[in-house]
Amino acid sequence: MSRDLKHLSARVGLIMLALGFSLLGLLSFFFHATGDLAIGPNMEQLFGYLGGSVSVFLGAVFLAVACTYWRR
């Protein structure tokens, strides 16, 4: 495989990871689970927001890595 094709596939992979994590995090903010857990609905919402925030943060990290790799 040529070197340019390897670099292009790495760039596209990083962009797809960034978009995937960000979309997953945003979906957890928009659609809340309405289950009846023993720990209560407030804790359930808190963990949903926490997981969504971590996912959006990871999306931003992958986007920063992709931008850094793209300029290299």
Protein backbone atom coordinates (compact mmCIF):
# COMPACT_ATOMS: atom_id res chain seq x y z
CA MET A 1 0.00 0.00 0.00
CA SER A 2 1.31 3.42 -0.79
CA ARG A 3 2.23 5.83 1.96
CA ASP A 4 -0.33 8.44 0.84
CA LEU A 5 -3.14 5.90 1.04
CA LYS A 6 -2.09 4.91 4.56
CA HIS A 7 -2.09 8.53 5.68
CA LEU A 8 -5.47 9.17 4.08
CA SER A 9 -7.02 6.12 5.72
CA ALA A 10 -5.62 7.18 9.13
CA ARG A 11 -7.06 10.67 8.69
CA VAL A 12 -10.48 9.37 7.68
CA GLY A 13 -10.45 6.91 10.58
CA LEU A 14 -9.69 9.65 13.11
CA ILE A 15 -12.43 11.88 11.70
CA MET A 16 -14.93 9.01 11.83
CA LEU A 17 -14.00 8.27 15.45
CA ALA A 18 -14.46 11.94 16.35
CA LEU A 19 -17.85 12.11 14.66
CA GLY A 20 -18.99 8.79 16.12
CA PHE A 21 -18.13 9.63 19.72
CA SER A 22 -19.62 13.11 19.41
CA LEU A 23 -22.84 11.81 17.90
CA LEU A 24 -23.12 9.11 20.53
CA GLY A 25 -22.67 11.68 23.29
CA LEU A 26 -25.20 14.08 21.79
CA LEU A 27 -27.76 11.31 21.39
CA SER A 28 -27.51 10.51 25.09
CA PHE A 29 -28.34 14.15 25.84
CA PHE A 30 -31.38 14.21 23.56
CA PHE A 31 -32.86 10.77 24.28
CA HIS A 32 -33.12 9.74 27.91
CA ALA A 33 -33.82 6.20 29.04
CA THR A 34 -37.06 5.94 31.00
CA GLY A 35 -36.30 2.79 32.93
CA ASP A 36 -37.35 2.09 36.51
CA LEU A 37 -34.09 1.43 38.31
CA ALA A 38 -33.58 0.94 42.01
CA ILE A 39 -31.13 3.84 42.26
CA GLY A 40 -33.72 6.40 41.21
CA PRO A 41 -34.35 8.57 38.18
CA ASN A 42 -32.06 11.40 39.32
CA MET A 43 -29.02 9.14 39.46
CA GLU A 44 -30.00 7.63 36.13
CA GLN A 45 -30.08 11.07 34.50
CA LEU A 46 -26.81 12.02 36.17
CA PHE A 47 -25.04 8.94 34.81
CA GLY A 48 -26.56 9.59 31.37
CA TYR A 49 -25.24 13.14 31.34
CA LEU A 50 -21.87 12.02 32.65
CA GLY A 51 -21.52 9.34 29.97
CA GLY A 52 -22.64 11.76 27.26
CA SER A 53 -20.15 14.35 28.44
CA VAL A 54 -17.29 11.85 28.41
CA SER A 55 -18.27 10.73 24.92
CA VAL A 56 -18.36 14.30 23.58
CA PHE A 57 -15.00 14.97 25.26
CA LEU A 58 -13.48 11.91 23.57
CA GLY A 59 -14.91 13.10 20.26
CA ALA A 60 -13.16 16.45 20.78
CA VAL A 61 -9.90 14.67 21.65
CA PHE A 62 -10.07 12.56 18.48
CA LEU A 63 -10.85 15.69 16.46
CA ALA A 64 -7.82 17.47 17.93
CA VAL A 65 -5.63 14.46 17.15
CA ALA A 66 -7.02 14.35 13.61
CA CYS A 67 -6.27 18.06 13.08
CA THR A 68 -2.77 17.62 14.43
CA TYR A 69 -2.18 14.58 12.23
CA TRP A 70 -3.62 16.37 9.20
CA ARG A 71 -1.13 19.26 9.55
CA ARG A 72 1.83 16.93 9.92
